[in-house]
Protein backbone atom coordinates (compact mmCIF):
# COMPACT_ATOMS: atom_id res chain seq x y z
CA UNK A 1 74.04 -7.62 140.25
CA UNK A 2 73.09 -4.62 137.80
CA UNK A 3 71.64 -5.85 134.56
CA UNK A 4 74.39 -3.99 132.86
CA UNK A 5 77.06 -6.25 134.57
CA UNK A 6 75.25 -9.34 133.88
CA UNK A 7 76.11 -11.71 130.92
CA UNK A 8 73.18 -10.54 128.98
CA UNK A 9 73.96 -6.72 129.75
CA UNK A 10 77.49 -7.32 128.66
CA UNK A 11 76.29 -9.19 125.45
CA UNK A 12 74.13 -6.37 124.59
CA UNK A 13 76.99 -4.00 124.43
CA UNK A 14 78.26 -5.78 121.53
CA UNK A 15 74.96 -6.79 119.58
CA UNK A 16 72.61 -3.96 120.49
CA UNK A 17 68.93 -4.37 120.06
CA UNK A 18 69.06 -7.44 117.56
CA UNK A 19 67.01 -10.70 118.39
CA UNK A 20 68.93 -12.94 120.55
CA UNK A 21 68.04 -16.35 122.06
CA UNK A 22 68.71 -16.24 125.65
CA UNK A 23 68.35 -19.36 127.98
CA UNK A 24 66.18 -18.52 131.05
CA UNK A 25 64.12 -20.16 133.65
CA UNK A 26 60.50 -19.43 135.05
CA UNK A 27 59.58 -20.94 138.61
CA UNK A 28 56.02 -21.93 139.44
CA UNK A 29 55.74 -21.94 143.29
CA UNK A 30 52.33 -22.73 144.64
CA UNK A 31 51.01 -22.51 148.16
CA UNK A 32 48.85 -25.12 150.07
CA UNK A 33 45.59 -23.35 148.35
CA UNK A 34 47.03 -23.80 144.78
CA UNK A 35 47.58 -20.18 144.38
CA UNK A 36 50.80 -19.24 142.34
CA UNK A 37 53.61 -16.71 143.43
CA UNK A 38 53.97 -13.81 141.43
CA UNK A 39 56.31 -10.76 141.87
CA UNK A 40 55.84 -7.23 140.87
CA UNK A 41 59.09 -6.08 139.18
CA UNK A 42 60.67 -2.80 140.52
CA UNK A 43 59.94 0.25 138.40
CA UNK A 44 57.92 -1.57 135.75
CA UNK A 45 54.75 -2.50 137.48
CA UNK A 46 54.74 -5.69 135.83
CA UNK A 47 53.73 -8.91 137.58
CA UNK A 48 55.19 -12.10 136.68
CA UNK A 49 56.57 -15.55 138.00
CA UNK A 50 59.97 -15.55 139.30
CA UNK A 51 62.45 -15.54 136.21
CA UNK A 52 65.44 -14.67 134.74
CA UNK A 53 68.47 -15.46 132.31
CA UNK A 54 71.39 -17.69 133.09
CA UNK A 55 74.79 -16.31 133.76
CA UNK A 56 78.06 -17.56 132.53
CA UNK A 57 79.37 -20.65 134.26
CA UNK A 58 75.85 -21.10 135.78
CA UNK A 59 73.80 -24.43 135.31
CA UNK A 60 69.98 -23.95 134.46
CA UNK A 61 69.10 -25.37 137.85
CA UNK A 62 71.63 -22.96 139.60
CA UNK A 63 69.85 -20.04 137.67
CA UNK A 64 66.55 -21.32 139.11
CA UNK A 65 67.87 -21.30 142.65
CA UNK A 66 69.58 -17.73 142.13
CA UNK A 67 66.58 -16.19 140.55
CA UNK A 68 64.17 -17.34 143.15
CA UNK A 69 66.10 -16.27 145.97
CA UNK A 70 66.98 -12.82 144.40
CA UNK A 71 63.23 -12.10 143.64
CA UNK A 72 61.45 -13.67 146.46
CA UNK A 73 63.89 -14.53 149.38
CA UNK A 74 62.87 -18.13 149.02
CA UNK A 75 65.52 -21.02 148.85
CA UNK A 76 64.58 -23.89 146.20
CA UNK A 77 65.09 -27.35 147.90
CA UNK A 78 63.37 -29.53 145.17
CA UNK A 79 61.98 -28.70 141.52
CA UNK A 80 61.09 -30.39 138.32
CA UNK A 81 61.35 -29.11 134.83
CA UNK A 82 58.01 -29.44 133.20
CA UNK A 83 58.26 -27.48 129.91
CA UNK A 84 60.45 -25.59 127.72
CA UNK A 85 59.49 -22.58 125.57
CA UNK A 86 61.31 -21.77 122.23
CA UNK A 87 58.47 -21.15 119.66
CA UNK A 88 58.96 -17.81 117.92
CA UNK A 89 55.64 -16.71 119.01
CA UNK A 90 57.29 -16.34 122.29
CA UNK A 91 59.40 -13.26 121.00
CA UNK A 92 59.22 -10.08 122.56
CA UNK A 93 61.12 -6.98 123.56
CA UNK A 94 62.28 -5.99 127.08
CA UNK A 95 62.37 -2.44 128.65
CA UNK A 96 65.52 -1.67 126.78
CA UNK A 97 63.94 -2.15 123.43
CA UNK A 98 66.06 -5.23 122.99
CA UNK A 99 64.51 -8.09 121.10
CA UNK A 100 64.51 -11.62 122.09
CA UNK A 101 62.96 -15.03 121.66
CA UNK A 102 62.39 -17.06 124.56
CA UNK A 103 64.42 -20.19 125.30
CA UNK A 104 62.82 -20.74 128.73
CA UNK A 105 62.65 -23.74 131.01
CA UNK A 106 59.44 -23.86 133.28
CA UNK A 107 60.12 -25.52 136.72
CA UNK A 108 57.68 -26.32 139.15
CA UNK A 109 59.14 -25.92 142.56
CA UNK A 110 58.01 -28.53 144.90
CA UNK A 111 59.75 -27.73 148.10
CA UNK A 112 61.17 -24.44 149.46
CA UNK A 113 62.30 -22.82 152.66
CA UNK A 114 62.49 -19.28 153.99
CA UNK A 115 59.91 -16.47 154.11
CA UNK A 116 58.72 -14.45 151.30
CA UNK A 117 60.42 -11.04 150.78
CA UNK A 118 58.01 -8.54 149.22
CA UNK A 119 60.81 -5.98 148.46
CA UNK A 120 64.10 -7.08 147.00
CA UNK A 121 66.70 -5.36 144.70
CA UNK A 122 64.41 -6.58 141.73
CA UNK A 123 60.99 -6.52 143.08
CA UNK A 124 58.67 -4.35 145.00
CA UNK A 125 55.94 -6.82 145.85
CA UNK A 126 55.07 -10.63 146.12
CA UNK A 127 51.91 -12.12 146.35
CA UNK A 128 49.96 -15.45 145.58
CA UNK A 129 47.24 -15.37 143.18
CA UNK A 130 44.46 -17.87 142.00
CA UNK A 131 45.11 -19.31 138.63
CA UNK A 132 41.82 -18.19 137.61
CA UNK A 133 42.47 -14.59 138.83
CA UNK A 134 46.01 -13.67 137.68
CA UNK A 135 47.28 -10.02 138.17
CA UNK A 136 46.89 -7.79 135.57
CA UNK A 137 49.99 -6.81 133.37
CA UNK A 138 50.47 -3.83 131.28
CA UNK A 139 52.14 -6.07 128.77
CA UNK A 140 49.79 -8.25 126.60
CA UNK A 141 52.60 -10.52 125.55
CA UNK A 142 53.15 -11.37 129.34
CA UNK A 143 49.56 -11.66 130.07
CA UNK A 144 49.24 -14.26 127.19
CA UNK A 145 52.44 -16.02 128.04
CA UNK A 146 51.28 -16.47 131.71
CA UNK A 147 47.97 -17.94 130.58
CA UNK A 148 50.08 -20.45 128.51
CA UNK A 149 52.11 -21.27 131.50
CA UNK A 150 49.13 -21.94 133.90
CA UNK A 151 47.38 -24.10 131.12
CA UNK A 152 50.71 -26.23 130.77
CA UNK A 153 50.89 -26.41 134.60
CA UNK A 154 47.37 -27.95 134.66
CA UNK A 155 48.29 -30.26 131.63
CA UNK A 156 51.29 -31.55 133.29
CA UNK A 157 49.56 -32.20 136.42
CA UNK A 158 47.02 -34.48 134.42
CA UNK A 159 49.47 -36.53 132.36
CA UNK A 160 53.07 -35.85 133.92
CA UNK A 161 54.47 -35.34 130.40
CA UNK A 162 57.28 -32.88 129.62
CA UNK A 163 55.96 -30.03 127.39
CA UNK A 164 57.84 -28.72 124.52
CA UNK A 165 56.65 -25.49 122.71
């Protein structure tokens, strides 16, 4: 689906660039070596974990399954929510200049099936990276956010407590 046809794209035609809070998901997918899957967004040169915003009539879990499938070719079999990010420090602008504050559910994908597709409609590459050697990102916001997400993953693995930020 084209961004302009999405719920968020349609909403933006009414509200313009003003700041919105948009429910979204982010998936952590680890391989057997503990490396984390990142995708490179087509046309942006920006690396990130599979992520995206919810569509109308979709559950947050359905959003997770759809976004992972669209961006990686993988199908989520099992996952657990480990954090939610809502703090205003997680405010940013997208490539269209639209302001938003994250309302993002972070999921750890336990099991998946399929083969990774490096090129999809939304992505131009996919690769596993060590948590200590993340891909470079041209946007400081996302570099900082990914570091927070990795730190929260480590914390969750230690105490198994859901994280609210």
